């Protein structure tokens, strides 16, 4: 995944944009579930 809007990304100093424009952890989880 690219940068996700998570606390880890914030602590790493990565730029986090507006929630509706940034990838959310749920998006990554949805991809993984579809693969499974």
ModelCIF file with pLDDT and N, C-alpha, C, O atoms, coordinates in Angstrom:
data_MODEL
#
_entry.id   MODEL 
#
_entity.id                         1 
_entity.type                       polymer 
_entity.pdbx_number_of_molecules   1 
#
_entity_poly.entity_id                      1 
_entity_poly.type                           'polypeptide(L)' 
_entity_poly.nstd_linkage                   no 
_entity_poly.nstd_monomer                   no 
_entity_poly.pdbx_seq_one_letter_code       
;(UNK)(UNK)(UNK)(UNK)(UNK)(UNK)(UNK)(UNK)(UNK)(UNK)(UNK)(UNK)(UNK)(UNK)(UNK)(UNK)
(UNK)(UNK)(UNK)(UNK)(UNK)(UNK)(UNK)(UNK)(UNK)(UNK)(UNK)(UNK)(UNK)(UNK)(UNK)(UNK)
(UNK)(UNK)(UNK)(UNK)
;
_entity_poly.pdbx_seq_one_letter_code_can   XXXXXXXXXXXXXXXXXXXXXXXXXXXXXXXXXXXX 
_entity_poly.pdbx_strand_id                 A 
#
loop_
_entity_poly_seq.entity_id 
_entity_poly_seq.num 
_entity_poly_seq.mon_id 
_entity_poly_seq.hetero 
1 1  UNK n 
1 2  UNK n 
1 3  UNK n 
1 4  UNK n 
1 5  UNK n 
1 6  UNK n 
1 7  UNK n 
1 8  UNK n 
1 9  UNK n 
1 10 UNK n 
1 11 UNK n 
1 12 UNK n 
1 13 UNK n 
1 14 UNK n 
1 15 UNK n 
1 16 UNK n 
1 17 UNK n 
1 18 UNK n 
1 19 UNK n 
1 20 UNK n 
1 21 UNK n 
1 22 UNK n 
1 23 UNK n 
1 24 UNK n 
1 25 UNK n 
1 26 UNK n 
1 27 UNK n 
1 28 UNK n 
1 29 UNK n 
1 30 UNK n 
1 31 UNK n 
1 32 UNK n 
1 33 UNK n 
1 34 UNK n 
1 35 UNK n 
1 36 UNK n 
#
_struct_asym.id          A 
_struct_asym.entity_id   1 
#
loop_
_ma_qa_metric.id 
_ma_qa_metric.mode 
_ma_qa_metric.name 
_ma_qa_metric.software_group_id 
_ma_qa_metric.type 
1 global pLDDT . pLDDT 
2 local  pLDDT . pLDDT 
#
_ma_qa_metric_global.metric_id      1 
_ma_qa_metric_global.metric_value   90.97 
_ma_qa_metric_global.model_id       1 
_ma_qa_metric_global.ordinal_id     1 
#
loop_
_ma_qa_metric_local.label_asym_id 
_ma_qa_metric_local.label_comp_id 
_ma_qa_metric_local.label_seq_id 
_ma_qa_metric_local.metric_id 
_ma_qa_metric_local.metric_value 
_ma_qa_metric_local.model_id 
_ma_qa_metric_local.ordinal_id 
A UNK 1  2 95.00 1 1  
A UNK 2  2 91.00 1 2  
A UNK 3  2 90.00 1 3  
A UNK 4  2 91.00 1 4  
A UNK 5  2 90.00 1 5  
A UNK 6  2 91.00 1 6  
A UNK 7  2 91.00 1 7  
A UNK 8  2 91.00 1 8  
A UNK 9  2 90.00 1 9  
A UNK 10 2 89.00 1 10 
A UNK 11 2 93.00 1 11 
A UNK 12 2 93.00 1 12 
A UNK 13 2 90.00 1 13 
A UNK 14 2 86.00 1 14 
A UNK 15 2 81.00 1 15 
A UNK 16 2 80.00 1 16 
A UNK 17 2 77.00 1 17 
A UNK 18 2 81.00 1 18 
A UNK 19 2 80.00 1 19 
A UNK 20 2 82.00 1 20 
A UNK 21 2 86.00 1 21 
A UNK 22 2 90.00 1 22 
A UNK 23 2 93.00 1 23 
A UNK 24 2 93.00 1 24 
A UNK 25 2 94.00 1 25 
A UNK 26 2 96.00 1 26 
A UNK 27 2 96.00 1 27 
A UNK 28 2 97.00 1 28 
A UNK 29 2 97.00 1 29 
A UNK 30 2 98.00 1 30 
A UNK 31 2 98.00 1 31 
A UNK 32 2 97.00 1 32 
A UNK 33 2 98.00 1 33 
A UNK 34 2 97.00 1 34 
A UNK 35 2 97.00 1 35 
A UNK 36 2 96.00 1 36 
#
loop_
_atom_site.group_PDB 
_atom_site.id 
_atom_site.type_symbol 
_atom_site.label_atom_id 
_atom_site.label_alt_id 
_atom_site.label_comp_id 
_atom_site.label_asym_id 
_atom_site.label_entity_id 
_atom_site.label_seq_id 
_atom_site.pdbx_PDB_ins_code 
_atom_site.Cartn_x 
_atom_site.Cartn_y 
_atom_site.Cartn_z 
_atom_site.occupancy 
_atom_site.B_iso_or_equiv 
_atom_site.pdbx_formal_charge 
_atom_site.auth_seq_id 
_atom_site.auth_comp_id 
_atom_site.auth_asym_id 
_atom_site.auth_atom_id 
_atom_site.pdbx_PDB_model_num 
ATOM 1   N N  . UNK A 1 1  ? 0.825   -1.213  0.000  1.00 95.00 ? 1  UNK A N  1 
ATOM 2   C CA . UNK A 1 1  ? 0.000   0.000   0.000  1.00 95.00 ? 1  UNK A CA 1 
ATOM 3   C C  . UNK A 1 1  ? 0.859   1.262   0.000  1.00 95.00 ? 1  UNK A C  1 
ATOM 4   O O  . UNK A 1 1  ? 1.996   1.264   0.472  1.00 95.00 ? 1  UNK A O  1 
ATOM 5   N N  . UNK A 1 2  ? 0.283   2.332   -0.541 1.00 91.00 ? 2  UNK A N  1 
ATOM 6   C CA . UNK A 1 2  ? 0.928   3.633   -0.381 1.00 91.00 ? 2  UNK A CA 1 
ATOM 7   C C  . UNK A 1 2  ? 0.572   4.141   1.024  1.00 91.00 ? 2  UNK A C  1 
ATOM 8   O O  . UNK A 1 2  ? 0.035   3.387   1.836  1.00 91.00 ? 2  UNK A O  1 
ATOM 9   N N  . UNK A 1 3  ? 0.863   5.383   1.306  1.00 90.00 ? 3  UNK A N  1 
ATOM 10  C CA . UNK A 1 3  ? 0.624   5.922   2.644  1.00 90.00 ? 3  UNK A CA 1 
ATOM 11  C C  . UNK A 1 3  ? -0.848  5.841   3.013  1.00 90.00 ? 3  UNK A C  1 
ATOM 12  O O  . UNK A 1 3  ? -1.722  6.292   2.273  1.00 90.00 ? 3  UNK A O  1 
ATOM 13  N N  . UNK A 1 4  ? -1.097  5.259   4.171  1.00 91.00 ? 4  UNK A N  1 
ATOM 14  C CA . UNK A 1 4  ? -2.453  5.167   4.708  1.00 91.00 ? 4  UNK A CA 1 
ATOM 15  C C  . UNK A 1 4  ? -2.599  6.148   5.859  1.00 91.00 ? 4  UNK A C  1 
ATOM 16  O O  . UNK A 1 4  ? -1.627  6.471   6.542  1.00 91.00 ? 4  UNK A O  1 
ATOM 17  N N  . UNK A 1 5  ? -3.798  6.610   6.064  1.00 90.00 ? 5  UNK A N  1 
ATOM 18  C CA . UNK A 1 5  ? -4.080  7.570   7.123  1.00 90.00 ? 5  UNK A CA 1 
ATOM 19  C C  . UNK A 1 5  ? -4.104  6.834   8.462  1.00 90.00 ? 5  UNK A C  1 
ATOM 20  O O  . UNK A 1 5  ? -5.167  6.439   8.943  1.00 90.00 ? 5  UNK A O  1 
ATOM 21  N N  . UNK A 1 6  ? -2.930  6.654   9.057  1.00 91.00 ? 6  UNK A N  1 
ATOM 22  C CA . UNK A 1 6  ? -2.805  5.939   10.326 1.00 91.00 ? 6  UNK A CA 1 
ATOM 23  C C  . UNK A 1 6  ? -1.932  6.737   11.292 1.00 91.00 ? 6  UNK A C  1 
ATOM 24  O O  . UNK A 1 6  ? -1.222  7.659   10.891 1.00 91.00 ? 6  UNK A O  1 
ATOM 25  N N  . UNK A 1 7  ? -1.997  6.370   12.551 1.00 91.00 ? 7  UNK A N  1 
ATOM 26  C CA . UNK A 1 7  ? -1.169  7.008   13.569 1.00 91.00 ? 7  UNK A CA 1 
ATOM 27  C C  . UNK A 1 7  ? 0.316   6.774   13.269 1.00 91.00 ? 7  UNK A C  1 
ATOM 28  O O  . UNK A 1 7  ? 1.142   7.655   13.507 1.00 91.00 ? 7  UNK A O  1 
ATOM 29  N N  . UNK A 1 8  ? 0.650   5.610   12.756 1.00 91.00 ? 8  UNK A N  1 
ATOM 30  C CA . UNK A 1 8  ? 2.039   5.298   12.404 1.00 91.00 ? 8  UNK A CA 1 
ATOM 31  C C  . UNK A 1 8  ? 2.559   6.268   11.346 1.00 91.00 ? 8  UNK A C  1 
ATOM 32  O O  . UNK A 1 8  ? 3.689   6.745   11.444 1.00 91.00 ? 8  UNK A O  1 
ATOM 33  N N  . UNK A 1 9  ? 1.747   6.558   10.344 1.00 90.00 ? 9  UNK A N  1 
ATOM 34  C CA . UNK A 1 9  ? 2.164   7.498   9.301  1.00 90.00 ? 9  UNK A CA 1 
ATOM 35  C C  . UNK A 1 9  ? 2.378   8.895   9.882  1.00 90.00 ? 9  UNK A C  1 
ATOM 36  O O  . UNK A 1 9  ? 3.334   9.582   9.522  1.00 90.00 ? 9  UNK A O  1 
ATOM 37  N N  . UNK A 1 10 ? 1.498   9.306   10.768 1.00 89.00 ? 10 UNK A N  1 
ATOM 38  C CA . UNK A 1 10 ? 1.635   10.627  11.397 1.00 89.00 ? 10 UNK A CA 1 
ATOM 39  C C  . UNK A 1 10 ? 2.922   10.687  12.209 1.00 89.00 ? 10 UNK A C  1 
ATOM 40  O O  . UNK A 1 10 ? 3.673   11.657  12.111 1.00 89.00 ? 10 UNK A O  1 
ATOM 41  N N  . UNK A 1 11 ? 3.182   9.655   13.011 1.00 93.00 ? 11 UNK A N  1 
ATOM 42  C CA . UNK A 1 11 ? 4.402   9.631   13.836 1.00 93.00 ? 11 UNK A CA 1 
ATOM 43  C C  . UNK A 1 11 ? 5.663   9.603   12.983 1.00 93.00 ? 11 UNK A C  1 
ATOM 44  O O  . UNK A 1 11 ? 6.712   10.090  13.404 1.00 93.00 ? 11 UNK A O  1 
ATOM 45  N N  . UNK A 1 12 ? 5.562   9.032   11.782 1.00 93.00 ? 12 UNK A N  1 
ATOM 46  C CA . UNK A 1 12 ? 6.708   8.987   10.881 1.00 93.00 ? 12 UNK A CA 1 
ATOM 47  C C  . UNK A 1 12 ? 6.910   10.314  10.151 1.00 93.00 ? 12 UNK A C  1 
ATOM 48  O O  . UNK A 1 12 ? 7.878   10.476  9.408  1.00 93.00 ? 12 UNK A O  1 
ATOM 49  N N  . UNK A 1 13 ? 6.002   11.254  10.363 1.00 90.00 ? 13 UNK A N  1 
ATOM 50  C CA . UNK A 1 13 ? 6.128   12.566  9.740  1.00 90.00 ? 13 UNK A CA 1 
ATOM 51  C C  . UNK A 1 13 ? 5.642   12.607  8.305  1.00 90.00 ? 13 UNK A C  1 
ATOM 52  O O  . UNK A 1 13 ? 5.962   13.539  7.567  1.00 90.00 ? 13 UNK A O  1 
ATOM 53  N N  . UNK A 1 14 ? 4.866   11.599  7.898  1.00 86.00 ? 14 UNK A N  1 
ATOM 54  C CA . UNK A 1 14 ? 4.339   11.589  6.537  1.00 86.00 ? 14 UNK A CA 1 
ATOM 55  C C  . UNK A 1 14 ? 3.145   12.523  6.436  1.00 86.00 ? 14 UNK A C  1 
ATOM 56  O O  . UNK A 1 14 ? 2.387   12.686  7.392  1.00 86.00 ? 14 UNK A O  1 
ATOM 57  N N  . UNK A 1 15 ? 2.985   13.133  5.272  1.00 81.00 ? 15 UNK A N  1 
ATOM 58  C CA . UNK A 1 15 ? 1.884   14.064  5.061  1.00 81.00 ? 15 UNK A CA 1 
ATOM 59  C C  . UNK A 1 15 ? 0.575   13.281  4.972  1.00 81.00 ? 15 UNK A C  1 
ATOM 60  O O  . UNK A 1 15 ? 0.432   12.375  4.151  1.00 81.00 ? 15 UNK A O  1 
ATOM 61  N N  . UNK A 1 16 ? -0.363  13.642  5.821  1.00 80.00 ? 16 UNK A N  1 
ATOM 62  C CA . UNK A 1 16 ? -1.679  13.022  5.823  1.00 80.00 ? 16 UNK A CA 1 
ATOM 63  C C  . UNK A 1 16 ? -2.696  14.088  5.434  1.00 80.00 ? 16 UNK A C  1 
ATOM 64  O O  . UNK A 1 16 ? -2.799  15.129  6.083  1.00 80.00 ? 16 UNK A O  1 
ATOM 65  N N  . UNK A 1 17 ? -3.445  13.818  4.371  1.00 77.00 ? 17 UNK A N  1 
ATOM 66  C CA . UNK A 1 17 ? -4.425  14.785  3.890  1.00 77.00 ? 17 UNK A CA 1 
ATOM 67  C C  . UNK A 1 17 ? -5.794  14.543  4.493  1.00 77.00 ? 17 UNK A C  1 
ATOM 68  O O  . UNK A 1 17 ? -5.934  13.852  5.502  1.00 77.00 ? 17 UNK A O  1 
ATOM 69  N N  . UNK A 1 18 ? -6.791  15.119  3.862  1.00 81.00 ? 18 UNK A N  1 
ATOM 70  C CA . UNK A 1 18 ? -8.172  14.974  4.317  1.00 81.00 ? 18 UNK A CA 1 
ATOM 71  C C  . UNK A 1 18 ? -8.591  13.515  4.246  1.00 81.00 ? 18 UNK A C  1 
ATOM 72  O O  . UNK A 1 18 ? -8.187  12.791  3.336  1.00 81.00 ? 18 UNK A O  1 
ATOM 73  N N  . UNK A 1 19 ? -9.404  13.083  5.207  1.00 80.00 ? 19 UNK A N  1 
ATOM 74  C CA . UNK A 1 19 ? -9.780  11.667  5.314  1.00 80.00 ? 19 UNK A CA 1 
ATOM 75  C C  . UNK A 1 19 ? -10.437 11.147  4.046  1.00 80.00 ? 19 UNK A C  1 
ATOM 76  O O  . UNK A 1 19 ? -10.188 10.007  3.652  1.00 80.00 ? 19 UNK A O  1 
ATOM 77  N N  . UNK A 1 20 ? -11.275 11.957  3.395  1.00 82.00 ? 20 UNK A N  1 
ATOM 78  C CA . UNK A 1 20 ? -11.973 11.477  2.203  1.00 82.00 ? 20 UNK A CA 1 
ATOM 79  C C  . UNK A 1 20 ? -11.067 11.409  0.974  1.00 82.00 ? 20 UNK A C  1 
ATOM 80  O O  . UNK A 1 20 ? -11.492 10.920  -0.073 1.00 82.00 ? 20 UNK A O  1 
ATOM 81  N N  . UNK A 1 21 ? -9.828  11.890  1.081  1.00 86.00 ? 21 UNK A N  1 
ATOM 82  C CA . UNK A 1 21 ? -8.896  11.850  -0.052 1.00 86.00 ? 21 UNK A CA 1 
ATOM 83  C C  . UNK A 1 21 ? -7.709  10.924  0.182  1.00 86.00 ? 21 UNK A C  1 
ATOM 84  O O  . UNK A 1 21 ? -6.978  10.601  -0.754 1.00 86.00 ? 21 UNK A O  1 
ATOM 85  N N  . UNK A 1 22 ? -7.511  10.493  1.436  1.00 90.00 ? 22 UNK A N  1 
ATOM 86  C CA . UNK A 1 22 ? -6.371  9.632   1.752  1.00 90.00 ? 22 UNK A CA 1 
ATOM 87  C C  . UNK A 1 22 ? -6.831  8.186   1.947  1.00 90.00 ? 22 UNK A C  1 
ATOM 88  O O  . UNK A 1 22 ? -7.957  7.932   2.373  1.00 90.00 ? 22 UNK A O  1 
ATOM 89  N N  . UNK A 1 23 ? -5.952  7.256   1.631  1.00 93.00 ? 23 UNK A N  1 
ATOM 90  C CA . UNK A 1 23 ? -6.260  5.857   1.847  1.00 93.00 ? 23 UNK A CA 1 
ATOM 91  C C  . UNK A 1 23 ? -6.438  5.597   3.340  1.00 93.00 ? 23 UNK A C  1 
ATOM 92  O O  . UNK A 1 23 ? -5.684  6.105   4.170  1.00 93.00 ? 23 UNK A O  1 
ATOM 93  N N  . UNK A 1 24 ? -7.435  4.808   3.655  1.00 93.00 ? 24 UNK A N  1 
ATOM 94  C CA . UNK A 1 24 ? -7.733  4.454   5.033  1.00 93.00 ? 24 UNK A CA 1 
ATOM 95  C C  . UNK A 1 24 ? -7.340  2.992   5.270  1.00 93.00 ? 24 UNK A C  1 
ATOM 96  O O  . UNK A 1 24 ? -7.298  2.203   4.326  1.00 93.00 ? 24 UNK A O  1 
ATOM 97  N N  . UNK A 1 25 ? -7.054  2.630   6.513  1.00 94.00 ? 25 UNK A N  1 
ATOM 98  C CA . UNK A 1 25 ? -6.712  1.230   6.802  1.00 94.00 ? 25 UNK A CA 1 
ATOM 99  C C  . UNK A 1 25 ? -7.792  0.264   6.323  1.00 94.00 ? 25 UNK A C  1 
ATOM 100 O O  . UNK A 1 25 ? -7.483  -0.858  5.920  1.00 94.00 ? 25 UNK A O  1 
ATOM 101 N N  . UNK A 1 26 ? -9.050  0.687   6.363  1.00 96.00 ? 26 UNK A N  1 
ATOM 102 C CA . UNK A 1 26 ? -10.147 -0.163  5.907  1.00 96.00 ? 26 UNK A CA 1 
ATOM 103 C C  . UNK A 1 26 ? -10.041 -0.495  4.420  1.00 96.00 ? 26 UNK A C  1 
ATOM 104 O O  . UNK A 1 26 ? -10.478 -1.562  3.988  1.00 96.00 ? 26 UNK A O  1 
ATOM 105 N N  . UNK A 1 27 ? -9.460  0.418   3.636  1.00 96.00 ? 27 UNK A N  1 
ATOM 106 C CA . UNK A 1 27 ? -9.273  0.172   2.203  1.00 96.00 ? 27 UNK A CA 1 
ATOM 107 C C  . UNK A 1 27 ? -8.306  -0.981  1.979  1.00 96.00 ? 27 UNK A C  1 
ATOM 108 O O  . UNK A 1 27 ? -8.531  -1.844  1.130  1.00 96.00 ? 27 UNK A O  1 
ATOM 109 N N  . UNK A 1 28 ? -7.224  -0.983  2.756  1.00 97.00 ? 28 UNK A N  1 
ATOM 110 C CA . UNK A 1 28 ? -6.233  -2.062  2.657  1.00 97.00 ? 28 UNK A CA 1 
ATOM 111 C C  . UNK A 1 28 ? -6.855  -3.381  3.119  1.00 97.00 ? 28 UNK A C  1 
ATOM 112 O O  . UNK A 1 28 ? -6.643  -4.425  2.502  1.00 97.00 ? 28 UNK A O  1 
ATOM 113 N N  . UNK A 1 29 ? -7.617  -3.326  4.198  1.00 97.00 ? 29 UNK A N  1 
ATOM 114 C CA . UNK A 1 29 ? -8.277  -4.530  4.707  1.00 97.00 ? 29 UNK A CA 1 
ATOM 115 C C  . UNK A 1 29 ? -9.246  -5.093  3.677  1.00 97.00 ? 29 UNK A C  1 
ATOM 116 O O  . UNK A 1 29 ? -9.342  -6.311  3.526  1.00 97.00 ? 29 UNK A O  1 
ATOM 117 N N  . UNK A 1 30 ? -9.961  -4.237  2.973  1.00 98.00 ? 30 UNK A N  1 
ATOM 118 C CA . UNK A 1 30 ? -10.910 -4.695  1.949  1.00 98.00 ? 30 UNK A CA 1 
ATOM 119 C C  . UNK A 1 30 ? -10.179 -5.428  0.822  1.00 98.00 ? 30 UNK A C  1 
ATOM 120 O O  . UNK A 1 30 ? -10.656 -6.450  0.329  1.00 98.00 ? 30 UNK A O  1 
ATOM 121 N N  . UNK A 1 31 ? -9.024  -4.902  0.418  1.00 98.00 ? 31 UNK A N  1 
ATOM 122 C CA . UNK A 1 31 ? -8.222  -5.575  -0.605 1.00 98.00 ? 31 UNK A CA 1 
ATOM 123 C C  . UNK A 1 31 ? -7.794  -6.958  -0.124 1.00 98.00 ? 31 UNK A C  1 
ATOM 124 O O  . UNK A 1 31 ? -7.914  -7.939  -0.859 1.00 98.00 ? 31 UNK A O  1 
ATOM 125 N N  . UNK A 1 32 ? -7.301  -7.036  1.093  1.00 97.00 ? 32 UNK A N  1 
ATOM 126 C CA . UNK A 1 32 ? -6.832  -8.317  1.633  1.00 97.00 ? 32 UNK A CA 1 
ATOM 127 C C  . UNK A 1 32 ? -7.973  -9.315  1.724  1.00 97.00 ? 32 UNK A C  1 
ATOM 128 O O  . UNK A 1 32 ? -7.801  -10.486 1.384  1.00 97.00 ? 32 UNK A O  1 
ATOM 129 N N  . UNK A 1 33 ? -9.134  -8.864  2.177  1.00 98.00 ? 33 UNK A N  1 
ATOM 130 C CA . UNK A 1 33 ? -10.287 -9.767  2.252  1.00 98.00 ? 33 UNK A CA 1 
ATOM 131 C C  . UNK A 1 33 ? -10.693 -10.285 0.886  1.00 98.00 ? 33 UNK A C  1 
ATOM 132 O O  . UNK A 1 33 ? -11.049 -11.455 0.746  1.00 98.00 ? 33 UNK A O  1 
ATOM 133 N N  . UNK A 1 34 ? -10.643 -9.424  -0.127 1.00 97.00 ? 34 UNK A N  1 
ATOM 134 C CA . UNK A 1 34 ? -11.010 -9.872  -1.471 1.00 97.00 ? 34 UNK A CA 1 
ATOM 135 C C  . UNK A 1 34 ? -10.020 -10.911 -1.996 1.00 97.00 ? 34 UNK A C  1 
ATOM 136 O O  . UNK A 1 34 ? -10.413 -11.833 -2.711 1.00 97.00 ? 34 UNK A O  1 
ATOM 137 N N  . UNK A 1 35 ? -8.749  -10.769 -1.649 1.00 97.00 ? 35 UNK A N  1 
ATOM 138 C CA . UNK A 1 35 ? -7.741  -11.758 -2.048 1.00 97.00 ? 35 UNK A CA 1 
ATOM 139 C C  . UNK A 1 35 ? -8.001  -13.083 -1.340 1.00 97.00 ? 35 UNK A C  1 
ATOM 140 O O  . UNK A 1 35 ? -7.896  -14.147 -1.949 1.00 97.00 ? 35 UNK A O  1 
ATOM 141 N N  . UNK A 1 36 ? -8.339  -13.019 -0.055 1.00 96.00 ? 36 UNK A N  1 
ATOM 142 C CA . UNK A 1 36 ? -8.593  -14.239 0.719  1.00 96.00 ? 36 UNK A CA 1 
ATOM 143 C C  . UNK A 1 36 ? -9.838  -14.981 0.242  1.00 96.00 ? 36 UNK A C  1 
ATOM 144 O O  . UNK A 1 36 ? -10.183 -16.026 0.794  1.00 96.00 ? 36 UNK A O  1 
#
